Amino acid sequence: MFHLPDLPNVGYATERQKAGTDQIMIFMREIERDRFRLLTIVIEGKEKWRHVARAVFGTTLGIDDEALDAMYQYFTLQAARPRDQMELLAAQHNPAVWRDVVKRIMPDIEAQRETVRLVQKWS
């Protein structure tokens, strides 16, 4: 059994960094519990994520584009099935391979979102 890496953070050295890291953790745990939102973030893409996340987090916590991109990458890992997660983890330092894996698994992520949408509709 494997585990996903630690959540992204912006550091712990200053109070600002600690506050930013705490906000990232709280937000990511909230999204983790809402599968539909998680899948939607991944499907809509990194650029849309950055735009929305900048509005959510603002500038006071030091959550920059690098941190937002790390969060998006983590959401992509969470959206993937376990076999795909392992493949993504192996490719995490190779952007071209990561992109190819994401492209290949995106139809499955879209199908997952449709399934969640239908289940929520009938619940």
PDB file of N, CA and C in Angstrom:
ATOM      1  N   MET A   1       0.848  -1.179   0.000  1.00  0.00           N
ATOM      2  CA  MET A   1       0.000   0.000   0.000  1.00  0.00           C
ATOM      3  C   MET A   1       0.894   1.242   0.000  1.00  0.00           C
ATOM      4  N   PHE A   2       0.477   2.229  -0.729  1.00  0.00           N
ATOM      5  CA  PHE A   2       1.247   3.470  -0.792  1.00  0.00           C
ATOM      6  C   PHE A   2       0.386   4.624  -0.300  1.00  0.00           C
ATOM      7  N   HIS A   3       1.033   5.721  -0.019  1.00  0.00           N
ATOM      8  CA  HIS A   3       0.342   6.916   0.450  1.00  0.00           C
ATOM      9  C   HIS A   3       0.678   8.071  -0.475  1.00  0.00           C
ATOM     10  N   LEU A   4      -0.244   8.989  -0.564  1.00  0.00           N
ATOM     11  CA  LEU A   4       0.041  10.213  -1.308  1.00  0.00           C
ATOM     12  C   LEU A   4       1.057  11.032  -0.513  1.00  0.00           C
ATOM     13  N   PRO A   5       1.794  11.892  -1.196  1.00  0.00           N
ATOM     14  CA  PRO A   5       2.773  12.720  -0.478  1.00  0.00           C
ATOM     15  C   PRO A   5       2.088  13.701   0.473  1.00  0.00           C
ATOM     16  N   ASP A   6       2.888  14.404   1.254  1.00  0.00           N
ATOM     17  CA  ASP A   6       2.356  15.433   2.150  1.00  0.00           C
ATOM     18  C   ASP A   6       1.638  16.504   1.340  1.00  0.00           C
ATOM     19  N   LEU A   7       0.693  17.164   1.984  1.00  0.00           N
ATOM     20  CA  LEU A   7      -0.013  18.261   1.328  1.00  0.00           C
ATOM     21  C   LEU A   7       0.960  19.385   0.995  1.00  0.00           C
ATOM     22  N   PRO A   8       0.690  20.114  -0.077  1.00  0.00           N
ATOM     23  CA  PRO A   8       1.530  21.282  -0.393  1.00  0.00           C
ATOM     24  C   PRO A   8       1.483  22.294   0.742  1.00  0.00           C
ATOM     25  N   ASN A   9       2.528  23.105   0.837  1.00  0.00           N
ATOM     26  CA  ASN A   9       2.552  24.145   1.862  1.00  0.00           C
ATOM     27  C   ASN A   9       3.395  25.316   1.374  1.00  0.00           C
ATOM     28  N   VAL A  10       3.314  26.415   2.110  1.00  0.00           N
ATOM     29  CA  VAL A  10       4.121  27.597   1.788  1.00  0.00           C
ATOM     30  C   VAL A  10       5.159  27.860   2.873  1.00  0.00           C
ATOM     31  N   GLY A  11       5.398  26.873   3.706  1.00  0.00           N
ATOM     32  CA  GLY A  11       6.420  26.989   4.731  1.00  0.00           C
ATOM     33  C   GLY A  11       5.844  27.139   6.127  1.00  0.00           C
ATOM     34  N   TYR A  12       6.758  27.155   7.095  1.00  0.00           N
ATOM     35  CA  TYR A  12       6.368  27.244   8.502  1.00  0.00           C
ATOM     36  C   TYR A  12       7.229  28.242   9.280  1.00  0.00           C
ATOM     37  N   ALA A  13       8.158  28.907   8.618  1.00  0.00           N
ATOM     38  CA  ALA A  13       9.128  29.755   9.314  1.00  0.00           C
ATOM     39  C   ALA A  13       8.513  31.013   9.925  1.00  0.00           C
ATOM     40  N   THR A  14       7.522  31.585   9.265  1.00  0.00           N
ATOM     41  CA  THR A  14       6.905  32.819   9.777  1.00  0.00           C
ATOM     42  C   THR A  14       5.437  32.573  10.082  1.00  0.00           C
ATOM     43  N   GLU A  15       4.848  33.495  10.809  1.00  0.00           N
ATOM     44  CA  GLU A  15       3.415  33.383  11.102  1.00  0.00           C
ATOM     45  C   GLU A  15       2.592  33.428   9.807  1.00  0.00           C
ATOM     46  N   ARG A  16       3.016  34.241   8.867  1.00  0.00           N
ATOM     47  CA  ARG A  16       2.324  34.334   7.573  1.00  0.00           C
ATOM     48  C   ARG A  16       2.374  32.995   6.842  1.00  0.00           C
ATOM     49  N   GLN A  17       3.546  32.380   6.837  1.00  0.00           N
ATOM     50  CA  GLN A  17       3.674  31.080   6.188  1.00  0.00           C
ATOM     51  C   GLN A  17       2.835  30.021   6.892  1.00  0.00           C
ATOM     52  N   LYS A  18       2.861  30.031   8.208  1.00  0.00           N
ATOM     53  CA  LYS A  18       2.053  29.067   8.964  1.00  0.00           C
ATOM     54  C   LYS A  18       0.567  29.254   8.653  1.00  0.00           C
ATOM     55  N   ALA A  19       0.121  30.515   8.614  1.00  0.00           N
ATOM     56  CA  ALA A  19      -1.289  30.793   8.309  1.00  0.00           C
ATOM     57  C   ALA A  19      -1.637  30.335   6.896  1.00  0.00           C
ATOM     58  N   GLY A  20      -0.742  30.592   5.949  1.00  0.00           N
ATOM     59  CA  GLY A  20      -0.975  30.152   4.572  1.00  0.00           C
ATOM     60  C   GLY A  20      -1.029  28.639   4.464  1.00  0.00           C
ATOM     61  N   THR A  21      -0.107  27.971   5.118  1.00  0.00           N
ATOM     62  CA  THR A  21      -0.078  26.515   5.119  1.00  0.00           C
ATOM     63  C   THR A  21      -1.331  25.945   5.773  1.00  0.00           C
ATOM     64  N   ASP A  22      -1.762  26.550   6.869  1.00  0.00           N
ATOM     65  CA  ASP A  22      -3.004  26.108   7.521  1.00  0.00           C
ATOM     66  C   ASP A  22      -4.201  26.262   6.595  1.00  0.00           C
ATOM     67  N   GLN A  23      -4.292  27.390   5.895  1.00  0.00           N
ATOM     68  CA  GLN A  23      -5.403  27.609   4.972  1.00  0.00           C
ATOM     69  C   GLN A  23      -5.393  26.598   3.827  1.00  0.00           C
ATOM     70  N   ILE A  24      -4.207  26.293   3.321  1.00  0.00           N
ATOM     71  CA  ILE A  24      -4.094  25.273   2.274  1.00  0.00           C
ATOM     72  C   ILE A  24      -4.615  23.939   2.792  1.00  0.00           C
ATOM     73  N   MET A  25      -4.169  23.546   3.990  1.00  0.00           N
ATOM     74  CA  MET A  25      -4.586  22.270   4.555  1.00  0.00           C
ATOM     75  C   MET A  25      -6.097  22.208   4.767  1.00  0.00           C
ATOM     76  N   ILE A  26      -6.661  23.254   5.339  1.00  0.00           N
ATOM     77  CA  ILE A  26      -8.101  23.285   5.599  1.00  0.00           C
ATOM     78  C   ILE A  26      -8.877  23.213   4.289  1.00  0.00           C
ATOM     79  N   PHE A  27      -8.475  24.014   3.319  1.00  0.00           N
ATOM     80  CA  PHE A  27      -9.167  24.038   2.035  1.00  0.00           C
ATOM     81  C   PHE A  27      -9.063  22.690   1.318  1.00  0.00           C
ATOM     82  N   MET A  28      -7.864  22.117   1.298  1.00  0.00           N
ATOM     83  CA  MET A  28      -7.683  20.853   0.584  1.00  0.00           C
ATOM     84  C   MET A  28      -8.446  19.715   1.259  1.00  0.00           C
ATOM     85  N   ARG A  29      -8.517  19.713   2.553  1.00  0.00           N
ATOM     86  CA  ARG A  29      -9.301  18.678   3.249  1.00  0.00           C
ATOM     87  C   ARG A  29     -10.795  18.846   2.952  1.00  0.00           C
ATOM     88  N   GLU A  30     -11.247  20.081   2.850  1.00  0.00           N
ATOM     89  CA  GLU A  30     -12.647  20.336   2.499  1.00  0.00           C
ATOM     90  C   GLU A  30     -12.948  19.816   1.088  1.00  0.00           C
ATOM     91  N   ILE A  31     -12.064  20.107   0.152  1.00  0.00           N
ATOM     92  CA  ILE A  31     -12.258  19.649  -1.229  1.00  0.00           C
ATOM     93  C   ILE A  31     -12.184  18.129  -1.304  1.00  0.00           C
ATOM     94  N   GLU A  32     -11.304  17.531  -0.535  1.00  0.00           N
ATOM     95  CA  GLU A  32     -11.162  16.074  -0.524  1.00  0.00           C
ATOM     96  C   GLU A  32     -12.476  15.396  -0.146  1.00  0.00           C
ATOM     97  N   ARG A  33     -13.251  16.040   0.694  1.00  0.00           N
ATOM     98  CA  ARG A  33     -14.526  15.477   1.151  1.00  0.00           C
ATOM     99  C   ARG A  33     -15.674  15.715   0.171  1.00  0.00           C
ATOM    100  N   ASP A  34     -15.443  16.548  -0.825  1.00  0.00           N
ATOM    101  CA  ASP A  34     -16.475  16.855  -1.822  1.00  0.00           C
ATOM    102  C   ASP A  34     -15.968  16.385  -3.183  1.00  0.00           C
ATOM    103  N   ARG A  35     -16.201  15.127  -3.471  1.00  0.00           N
ATOM    104  CA  ARG A  35     -15.644  14.493  -4.675  1.00  0.00           C
ATOM    105  C   ARG A  35     -16.048  15.235  -5.949  1.00  0.00           C
ATOM    106  N   PHE A  36     -17.271  15.708  -6.021  1.00  0.00           N
ATOM    107  CA  PHE A  36     -17.717  16.412  -7.223  1.00  0.00           C
ATOM    108  C   PHE A  36     -16.882  17.673  -7.449  1.00  0.00           C
ATOM    109  N   ARG A  37     -16.674  18.465  -6.400  1.00  0.00           N
ATOM    110  CA  ARG A  37     -15.847  19.680  -6.527  1.00  0.00           C
ATOM    111  C   ARG A  37     -14.413  19.335  -6.901  1.00  0.00           C
ATOM    112  N   LEU A  38     -13.859  18.300  -6.286  1.00  0.00           N
ATOM    113  CA  LEU A  38     -12.500  17.871  -6.592  1.00  0.00           C
ATOM    114  C   LEU A  38     -12.372  17.522  -8.074  1.00  0.00           C
ATOM    115  N   LEU A  39     -13.273  16.688  -8.567  1.00  0.00           N
ATOM    116  CA  LEU A  39     -13.216  16.278  -9.968  1.00  0.00           C
ATOM    117  C   LEU A  39     -13.432  17.464 -10.893  1.00  0.00           C
ATOM    118  N   THR A  40     -14.308  18.370 -10.516  1.00  0.00           N
ATOM    119  CA  THR A  40     -14.566  19.559 -11.332  1.00  0.00           C
ATOM    120  C   THR A  40     -13.321  20.431 -11.433  1.00  0.00           C
ATOM    121  N   ILE A  41     -12.633  20.632 -10.334  1.00  0.00           N
ATOM    122  CA  ILE A  41     -11.395  21.425 -10.351  1.00  0.00           C
ATOM    123  C   ILE A  41     -10.402  20.819 -11.340  1.00  0.00           C
ATOM    124  N   VAL A  42     -10.221  19.517 -11.267  1.00  0.00           N
ATOM    125  CA  VAL A  42      -9.249  18.849 -12.142  1.00  0.00           C
ATOM    126  C   VAL A  42      -9.680  18.942 -13.600  1.00  0.00           C
ATOM    127  N   ILE A  43     -10.940  18.716 -13.872  1.00  0.00           N
ATOM    128  CA  ILE A  43     -11.433  18.740 -15.254  1.00  0.00           C
ATOM    129  C   ILE A  43     -11.335  20.141 -15.852  1.00  0.00           C
ATOM    130  N   GLU A  44     -11.628  21.163 -15.065  1.00  0.00           N
ATOM    131  CA  GLU A  44     -11.608  22.531 -15.602  1.00  0.00           C
ATOM    132  C   GLU A  44     -10.200  23.031 -15.887  1.00  0.00           C
ATOM    133  N   GLY A  45      -9.189  22.439 -15.280  1.00  0.00           N
ATOM    134  CA  GLY A  45      -7.810  22.742 -15.626  1.00  0.00           C
ATOM    135  C   GLY A  45      -7.106  23.701 -14.677  1.00  0.00           C
ATOM    136  N   LYS A  46      -5.793  23.721 -14.837  1.00  0.00           N
ATOM    137  CA  LYS A  46      -4.929  24.489 -13.933  1.00  0.00           C
ATOM    138  C   LYS A  46      -5.145  25.995 -14.056  1.00  0.00           C
ATOM    139  N   GLU A  47      -5.334  26.492 -15.265  1.00  0.00           N
ATOM    140  CA  GLU A  47      -5.506  27.942 -15.433  1.00  0.00           C
ATOM    141  C   GLU A  47      -6.771  28.437 -14.741  1.00  0.00           C
ATOM    142  N   LYS A  48      -7.877  27.735 -14.906  1.00  0.00           N
ATOM    143  CA  LYS A  48      -9.125  28.120 -14.223  1.00  0.00           C
ATOM    144  C   LYS A  48      -8.932  27.996 -12.713  1.00  0.00           C
ATOM    145  N   TRP A  49      -8.269  26.929 -12.271  1.00  0.00           N
ATOM    146  CA  TRP A  49      -7.996  26.740 -10.852  1.00  0.00           C
ATOM    147  C   TRP A  49      -7.231  27.927 -10.284  1.00  0.00           C
ATOM    148  N   ARG A  50      -6.171  28.344 -10.980  1.00  0.00           N
ATOM    149  CA  ARG A  50      -5.382  29.487 -10.500  1.00  0.00           C
ATOM    150  C   ARG A  50      -6.254  30.732 -10.352  1.00  0.00           C
ATOM    151  N   HIS A  51      -7.073  30.985 -11.354  1.00  0.00           N
ATOM    152  CA  HIS A  51      -7.922  32.177 -11.349  1.00  0.00           C
ATOM    153  C   HIS A  51      -8.875  32.158 -10.140  1.00  0.00           C
ATOM    154  N   VAL A  52      -9.534  31.049  -9.942  1.00  0.00           N
ATOM    155  CA  VAL A  52     -10.494  30.931  -8.835  1.00  0.00           C
ATOM    156  C   VAL A  52      -9.762  30.938  -7.487  1.00  0.00           C
ATOM    157  N   ALA A  53      -8.662  30.208  -7.402  1.00  0.00           N
ATOM    158  CA  ALA A  53      -7.939  30.101  -6.126  1.00  0.00           C
ATOM    159  C   ALA A  53      -7.340  31.439  -5.704  1.00  0.00           C
ATOM    160  N   ARG A  54      -6.884  32.233  -6.656  1.00  0.00           N
ATOM    161  CA  ARG A  54      -6.345  33.561  -6.298  1.00  0.00           C
ATOM    162  C   ARG A  54      -7.429  34.397  -5.626  1.00  0.00           C
ATOM    163  N   ALA A  55      -8.649  34.290  -6.123  1.00  0.00           N
ATOM    164  CA  ALA A  55      -9.756  35.031  -5.521  1.00  0.00           C
ATOM    165  C   ALA A  55     -10.082  34.481  -4.127  1.00  0.00           C
ATOM    166  N   VAL A  56      -9.982  33.176  -3.965  1.00  0.00           N
ATOM    167  CA  VAL A  56     -10.299  32.550  -2.674  1.00  0.00           C
ATOM    168  C   VAL A  56      -9.246  32.905  -1.619  1.00  0.00           C
ATOM    169  N   PHE A  57      -7.982  32.784  -1.965  1.00  0.00           N
ATOM    170  CA  PHE A  57      -6.908  32.967  -0.990  1.00  0.00           C
ATOM    171  C   PHE A  57      -6.390  34.392  -0.874  1.00  0.00           C
ATOM    172  N   GLY A  58      -6.565  35.197  -1.905  1.00  0.00           N
ATOM    173  CA  GLY A  58      -6.032  36.557  -1.862  1.00  0.00           C
ATOM    174  C   GLY A  58      -4.515  36.549  -1.869  1.00  0.00           C
ATOM    175  N   THR A  59      -3.924  37.629  -1.415  1.00  0.00           N
ATOM    176  CA  THR A  59      -2.463  37.756  -1.456  1.00  0.00           C
ATOM    177  C   THR A  59      -1.821  37.814  -0.075  1.00  0.00           C
ATOM    178  N   THR A  60      -2.600  37.915   0.965  1.00  0.00           N
ATOM    179  CA  THR A  60      -2.038  38.138   2.300  1.00  0.00           C
ATOM    180  C   THR A  60      -1.359  36.907   2.898  1.00  0.00           C
ATOM    181  N   LEU A  61      -1.645  35.709   2.391  1.00  0.00           N
ATOM    182  CA  LEU A  61      -1.108  34.491   3.000  1.00  0.00           C
ATOM    183  C   LEU A  61       0.118  33.949   2.272  1.00  0.00           C
ATOM    184  N   GLY A  62       0.545  34.613   1.211  1.00  0.00           N
ATOM    185  CA  GLY A  62       1.743  34.170   0.504  1.00  0.00           C
ATOM    186  C   GLY A  62       1.550  32.898  -0.302  1.00  0.00           C
ATOM    187  N   ILE A  63       0.318  32.618  -0.684  1.00  0.00           N
ATOM    188  CA  ILE A  63       0.040  31.435  -1.495  1.00  0.00           C
ATOM    189  C   ILE A  63       0.203  31.839  -2.959  1.00  0.00           C
ATOM    190  N   ASP A  64       1.374  31.550  -3.498  1.00  0.00           N
ATOM    191  CA  ASP A  64       1.716  31.988  -4.851  1.00  0.00           C
ATOM    192  C   ASP A  64       1.338  30.931  -5.891  1.00  0.00           C
ATOM    193  N   ASP A  65       1.660  31.222  -7.168  1.00  0.00           N
ATOM    194  CA  ASP A  65       1.311  30.296  -8.248  1.00  0.00           C
ATOM    195  C   ASP A  65       1.976  28.931  -8.075  1.00  0.00           C
ATOM    196  N   GLU A  66       3.173  28.911  -7.534  1.00  0.00           N
ATOM    197  CA  GLU A  66       3.851  27.635  -7.310  1.00  0.00           C
ATOM    198  C   GLU A  66       3.049  26.769  -6.336  1.00  0.00           C
ATOM    199  N   ALA A  67       2.556  27.374  -5.272  1.00  0.00           N
ATOM    200  CA  ALA A  67       1.744  26.646  -4.299  1.00  0.00           C
ATOM    201  C   ALA A  67       0.411  26.230  -4.909  1.00  0.00           C
ATOM    202  N   LEU A  68      -0.201  27.119  -5.696  1.00  0.00           N
ATOM    203  CA  LEU A  68      -1.471  26.779  -6.353  1.00  0.00           C
ATOM    204  C   LEU A  68      -1.289  25.623  -7.318  1.00  0.00           C
ATOM    205  N   ASP A  69      -0.185  25.630  -8.058  1.00  0.00           N
ATOM    206  CA  ASP A  69       0.091  24.535  -8.990  1.00  0.00           C
ATOM    207  C   ASP A  69       0.312  23.218  -8.244  1.00  0.00           C
ATOM    208  N   ALA A  70       0.993  23.286  -7.104  1.00  0.00           N
ATOM    209  CA  ALA A  70       1.207  22.083  -6.297  1.00  0.00           C
ATOM    210  C   ALA A  70      -0.128  21.552  -5.773  1.00  0.00           C
ATOM    211  N   MET A  71      -1.026  22.459  -5.403  1.00  0.00           N
ATOM    212  CA  MET A  71      -2.350  22.047  -4.945  1.00  0.00           C
ATOM    213  C   MET A  71      -3.114  21.373  -6.082  1.00  0.00           C
ATOM    214  N   TYR A  72      -3.058  21.961  -7.272  1.00  0.00           N
ATOM    215  CA  TYR A  72      -3.750  21.380  -8.427  1.00  0.00           C
ATOM    216  C   TYR A  72      -3.188  19.987  -8.735  1.00  0.00           C
ATOM    217  N   GLN A  73      -1.880  19.845  -8.670  1.00  0.00           N
ATOM    218  CA  GLN A  73      -1.256  18.550  -8.924  1.00  0.00           C
ATOM    219  C   GLN A  73      -1.731  17.529  -7.887  1.00  0.00           C
ATOM    220  N   TYR A  74      -1.850  17.950  -6.645  1.00  0.00           N
ATOM    221  CA  TYR A  74      -2.324  17.057  -5.586  1.00  0.00           C
ATOM    222  C   TYR A  74      -3.785  16.673  -5.824  1.00  0.00           C
ATOM    223  N   PHE A  75      -4.603  17.641  -6.235  1.00  0.00           N
ATOM    224  CA  PHE A  75      -5.999  17.329  -6.568  1.00  0.00           C
ATOM    225  C   PHE A  75      -6.065  16.309  -7.699  1.00  0.00           C
ATOM    226  N   THR A  76      -5.171  16.446  -8.679  1.00  0.00           N
ATOM    227  CA  THR A  76      -5.135  15.492  -9.788  1.00  0.00           C
ATOM    228  C   THR A  76      -4.812  14.097  -9.265  1.00  0.00           C
ATOM    229  N   LEU A  77      -3.857  14.013  -8.348  1.00  0.00           N
ATOM    230  CA  LEU A  77      -3.554  12.716  -7.728  1.00  0.00           C
ATOM    231  C   LEU A  77      -4.782  12.150  -7.027  1.00  0.00           C
ATOM    232  N   GLN A  78      -5.489  12.991  -6.285  1.00  0.00           N
ATOM    233  CA  GLN A  78      -6.666  12.519  -5.552  1.00  0.00           C
ATOM    234  C   GLN A  78      -7.787  12.085  -6.498  1.00  0.00           C
ATOM    235  N   ALA A  79      -7.884  12.705  -7.652  1.00  0.00           N
ATOM    236  CA  ALA A  79      -8.932  12.361  -8.601  1.00  0.00           C
ATOM    237  C   ALA A  79      -8.649  11.054  -9.329  1.00  0.00           C
ATOM    238  N   ALA A  80      -7.381  10.690  -9.428  1.00  0.00           N
ATOM    239  CA  ALA A  80      -6.987   9.499 -10.173  1.00  0.00           C
ATOM    240  C   ALA A  80      -7.285   8.228  -9.376  1.00  0.00           C
ATOM    241  N   ARG A  81      -7.459   7.156 -10.112  1.00  0.00           N
ATOM    242  CA  ARG A  81      -7.615   5.840  -9.480  1.00  0.00           C
ATOM    243  C   ARG A  81      -6.247   5.396  -8.952  1.00  0.00           C
ATOM    244  N   PRO A  82      -6.204   4.485  -7.969  1.00  0.00           N
ATOM    245  CA  PRO A  82      -4.923   4.094  -7.362  1.00  0.00           C
ATOM    246  C   PRO A  82      -3.836   3.672  -8.358  1.00  0.00           C
ATOM    247  N   ARG A  83      -4.181   2.895  -9.360  1.00  0.00           N
ATOM    248  CA  ARG A  83      -3.144   2.478 -10.325  1.00  0.00           C
ATOM    249  C   ARG A  83      -2.595   3.689 -11.076  1.00  0.00           C
ATOM    250  N   ASP A  84      -3.463   4.665 -11.355  1.00  0.00           N
ATOM    251  CA  ASP A  84      -3.035   5.879 -12.040  1.00  0.00           C
ATOM    252  C   ASP A  84      -2.265   6.798 -11.098  1.00  0.00           C
ATOM    253  N   GLN A  85      -2.621   6.789  -9.825  1.00  0.00           N
ATOM    254  CA  GLN A  85      -1.879   7.570  -8.833  1.00  0.00           C
ATOM    255  C   GLN A  85      -0.425   7.127  -8.789  1.00  0.00           C
ATOM    256  N   MET A  86      -0.210   5.817  -8.808  1.00  0.00           N
ATOM    257  CA  MET A  86       1.163   5.304  -8.772  1.00  0.00           C
ATOM    258  C   MET A  86       1.934   5.758 -10.009  1.00  0.00           C
ATOM    259  N   GLU A  87       1.277   5.739 -11.145  1.00  0.00           N
ATOM    260  CA  GLU A  87       1.919   6.188 -12.375  1.00  0.00           C
ATOM    261  C   GLU A  87       2.245   7.680 -12.318  1.00  0.00           C
ATOM    262  N   LEU A  88       1.315   8.456 -11.789  1.00  0.00           N
ATOM    263  CA  LEU A  88       1.548   9.894 -11.653  1.00  0.00           C
ATOM    264  C   LEU A  88       2.677  10.184 -10.670  1.00  0.00           C
ATOM    265  N   LEU A  89       2.706   9.472  -9.565  1.00  0.00           N
ATOM    266  CA  LEU A  89       3.775   9.679  -8.598  1.00  0.00           C
ATOM    267  C   LEU A  89       5.139   9.362  -9.205  1.00  0.00           C
ATOM    268  N   ALA A  90       5.195   8.333 -10.022  1.00  0.00           N
ATOM    269  CA  ALA A  90       6.455   7.989 -10.687  1.00  0.00           C
ATOM    270  C   ALA A  90       6.873   9.070 -11.681  1.00  0.00           C
ATOM    271  N   ALA A  91       5.889   9.821 -12.197  1.00  0.00           N
ATOM    272  CA  ALA A  91       6.169  10.846 -13.212  1.00  0.00           C
ATOM    273  C   ALA A  91       6.214  12.258 -12.641  1.00  0.00           C
ATOM    274  N   GLN A  92       6.163  12.407 -11.335  1.00  0.00           N
ATOM    275  CA  GLN A  92       6.026  13.746 -10.752  1.00  0.00           C
ATOM    276  C   GLN A  92       7.187  14.684 -11.062  1.00  0.00           C
ATOM    277  N   HIS A  93       8.341  14.166 -11.420  1.00  0.00           N
ATOM    278  CA  HIS A  93       9.487  15.021 -11.759  1.00  0.00           C
ATOM    279  C   HIS A  93       9.728  15.080 -13.262  1.00  0.00           C
ATOM    280  N   ASN A  94       8.781  14.565 -14.024  1.00  0.00           N
ATOM    281  CA  ASN A  94       8.887  14.578 -15.474  1.00  0.00           C
ATOM    282  C   ASN A  94       7.583  15.158 -16.052  1.00  0.00           C
ATOM    283  N   PRO A  95       7.528  16.473 -16.244  1.00  0.00           N
ATOM    284  CA  PRO A  95       6.280  17.118 -16.672  1.00  0.00           C
ATOM    285  C   PRO A  95       5.673  16.540 -17.946  1.00  0.00           C
ATOM    286  N   ALA A  96       6.488  16.128 -18.899  1.00  0.00           N
ATOM    287  CA  ALA A  96       5.948  15.588 -20.151  1.00  0.00           C
ATOM    288  C   ALA A  96       5.222  14.269 -19.906  1.00  0.00           C
ATOM    289  N   VAL A  97       5.808  13.405 -19.098  1.00  0.00           N
ATOM    290  CA  VAL A  97       5.167  12.122 -18.794  1.00  0.00           C
ATOM    291  C   VAL A  97       3.916  12.360 -17.947  1.00  0.00           C
ATOM    292  N   TRP A  98       4.009  13.270 -16.958  1.00  0.00           N
ATOM    293  CA  TRP A  98       2.843  13.615 -16.132  1.00  0.00           C
ATOM    294  C   TRP A  98       1.684  14.046 -17.025  1.00  0.00           C
ATOM    295  N   ARG A  99       1.959  14.951 -17.955  1.00  0.00           N
ATOM    296  CA  ARG A  99       0.938  15.467 -18.866  1.00  0.00           C
ATOM    297  C   ARG A  99       0.321  14.332 -19.693  1.00  0.00           C
ATOM    298  N   ASP A 100       1.153  13.412 -20.168  1.00  0.00           N
ATOM    299  CA  ASP A 100       0.648  12.280 -20.956  1.00  0.00           C
ATOM    300  C   ASP A 100      -0.263  11.382 -20.126  1.00  0.00           C
ATOM    301  N   VAL A 101       0.124  11.127 -18.893  1.00  0.00           N
ATOM    302  CA  VAL A 101      -0.705  10.287 -18.023  1.00  0.00           C
ATOM    303  C   VAL A 101      -2.034  10.981 -17.749  1.00  0.00           C
ATOM    304  N   VAL A 102      -1.989  12.272 -17.436  1.00  0.00           N
ATOM    305  CA  VAL A 102      -3.226  13.011 -17.156  1.00  0.00           C
ATOM    306  C   VAL A 102      -4.138  13.002 -18.383  1.00  0.00           C
ATOM    307  N   LYS A 103      -3.558  13.204 -19.540  1.00  0.00           N
ATOM    308  CA  LYS A 103      -4.348  13.182 -20.782  1.00  0.00           C
ATOM    309  C   LYS A 103      -5.037  11.822 -20.960  1.00  0.00           C
ATOM    310  N   ARG A 104      -4.320  10.763 -20.640  1.00  0.00           N
ATOM    311  CA  ARG A 104      -4.863   9.417 -20.794  1.00  0.00           C
ATOM    312  C   ARG A 104      -5.971   9.129 -19.777  1.00  0.00           C
ATOM    313  N   ILE A 105      -5.835   9.628 -18.546  1.00  0.00           N
ATOM    314  CA  ILE A 105      -6.820   9.298 -17.504  1.00  0.00           C
ATOM    315  C   ILE A 105      -7.977  10.304 -17.423  1.00  0.00           C
ATOM    316  N   MET A 106      -7.895  11.413 -18.144  1.00  0.00           N
ATOM    317  CA  MET A 106      -8.945  12.432 -18.048  1.00  0.00           C
ATOM    318  C   MET A 106     -10.338  11.892 -18.391  1.00  0.00           C
ATOM    319  N   PRO A 107     -10.495  11.032 -19.411  1.00  0.00           N
ATOM    320  CA  PRO A 107     -11.841  10.485 -19.644  1.00  0.00           C
ATOM    321  C   PRO A 107     -12.396   9.735 -18.433  1.00  0.00           C
ATOM    322  N   ASP A 108     -11.543   9.038 -17.706  1.00  0.00           N
ATOM    323  CA  ASP A 108     -11.998   8.340 -16.510  1.00  0.00           C
ATOM    324  C   ASP A 108     -12.411   9.335 -15.430  1.00  0.00           C
ATOM    325  N   ILE A 109     -11.658  10.405 -15.273  1.00  0.00           N
ATOM    326  CA  ILE A 109     -11.997  11.432 -14.281  1.00  0.00           C
ATOM    327  C   ILE A 109     -13.327  12.086 -14.646  1.00  0.00           C
ATOM    328  N   GLU A 110     -13.534  12.348 -15.929  1.00  0.00           N
ATOM    329  CA  GLU A 110     -14.814  12.916 -16.374  1.00  0.00           C
ATOM    330  C   GLU A 110     -15.962  11.951 -16.115  1.00  0.00           C
ATOM    331  N   ALA A 111     -15.740  10.663 -16.362  1.00  0.00           N
ATOM    332  CA  ALA A 111     -16.775   9.658 -16.099  1.00  0.00           C
ATOM    333  C   ALA A 111     -17.081   9.567 -14.602  1.00  0.00           C
ATOM    334  N   GLN A 112     -16.046   9.664 -13.769  1.00  0.00           N
ATOM    335  CA  GLN A 112     -16.270   9.659 -12.321  1.00  0.00           C
ATOM    336  C   GLN A 112     -17.166  10.814 -11.906  1.00  0.00           C
ATOM    337  N   ARG A 113     -16.892  12.003 -12.467  1.00  0.00           N
ATOM    338  CA  ARG A 113     -17.699  13.169 -12.101  1.00  0.00           C
ATOM    339  C   ARG A 113     -19.151  12.967 -12.519  1.00  0.00           C
ATOM    340  N   GLU A 114     -19.375  12.406 -13.693  1.00  0.00           N
ATOM    341  CA  GLU A 114     -20.748  12.167 -14.152  1.00  0.00           C
ATOM    342  C   GLU A 114     -21.452  11.173 -13.227  1.00  0.00           C
ATOM    343  N   THR A 115     -20.732  10.150 -12.795  1.00  0.00           N
ATOM    344  CA  THR A 115     -21.310   9.172 -11.870  1.00  0.00           C
ATOM    345  C   THR A 115     -21.672   9.838 -10.545  1.00  0.00           C
ATOM    346  N   VAL A 116     -20.772  10.651 -10.015  1.00  0.00           N
ATOM    347  CA  VAL A 116     -21.049  11.353  -8.761  1.00  0.00           C
ATOM    348  C   VAL A 116     -22.247  12.279  -8.934  1.00  0.00           C
ATOM    349  N   ARG A 117     -22.315  12.978 -10.051  1.00  0.00           N
ATOM    350  CA  ARG A 117     -23.437  13.884 -10.313  1.00  0.00           C
ATOM    351  C   ARG A 117     -24.757  13.120 -10.309  1.00  0.00           C
ATOM    352  N   LEU A 118     -24.777  11.964 -10.976  1.00  0.00           N
ATOM    353  CA  LEU A 118     -26.011  11.162 -11.029  1.00  0.00           C
ATOM    354  C   LEU A 118     -26.397  10.617  -9.655  1.00  0.00           C
ATOM    355  N   VAL A 119     -25.416  10.167  -8.901  1.00  0.00           N
ATOM    356  CA  VAL A 119     -25.694   9.658  -7.554  1.00  0.00           C
ATOM    357  C   VAL A 119     -26.248  10.778  -6.672  1.00  0.00           C
ATOM    358  N   GLN A 120     -25.654  11.962  -6.760  1.00  0.00           N
ATOM    359  CA  GLN A 120     -26.140  13.091  -5.961  1.00  0.00           C
ATOM    360  C   GLN A 120     -27.559  13.483  -6.377  1.00  0.00           C
ATOM    361  N   LYS A 121     -27.828  13.403  -7.651  1.00  0.00           N
ATOM    362  CA  LYS A 121     -29.158  13.755  -8.171  1.00  0.00           C
ATOM    363  C   LYS A 121     -30.234  12.834  -7.616  1.00  0.00           C
ATOM    364  N   TRP A 122     -29.907  11.555  -7.477  1.00  0.00           N
ATOM    365  CA  TRP A 122     -30.898  10.571  -7.034  1.00  0.00           C
ATOM    366  C   TRP A 122     -30.870  10.323  -5.537  1.00  0.00           C
ATOM    367  N   SER A 123     -30.001  11.015  -4.826  1.00  0.00           N
ATOM    368  CA  SER A 123     -29.938  10.833  -3.361  1.00  0.00           C
ATOM    369  C   SER A 123     -30.912  11.715  -2.641  1.00  0.00           C
TER     370      SER A 123
END
